[in-house]
């Protein structure tokens, strides 16, 4: 058995940020496809302006959400490190495929 005694907060933050960024951008692309489909059937300049504003807002909110999720993940890692110091870490069994 191997024990995970601590996790590196910088790498946890980085992985969490990029994971949530990719997930939210993928969701945004699906939403963009549906928005553009609506613009094709119902085109006007005000609809296009509203769509561009929605895209900008979504990108900004995606960055904010990814940052907050990464901070929460890093705080969770920090708490894990403190608890693992006092009580011991998670035990993991690592083996080779048979």
Foldseek 3Di string as FASTA:
>chain_A
DDFDQADDLVVLLVVQLVVLLVVLVVVVVVVLVVLVVVCVVPPDPVSVVVSVVVSVVSNVVSNVVSNVRSVVRSVVRVVQNVVCVVPNGDDDDDDDDD
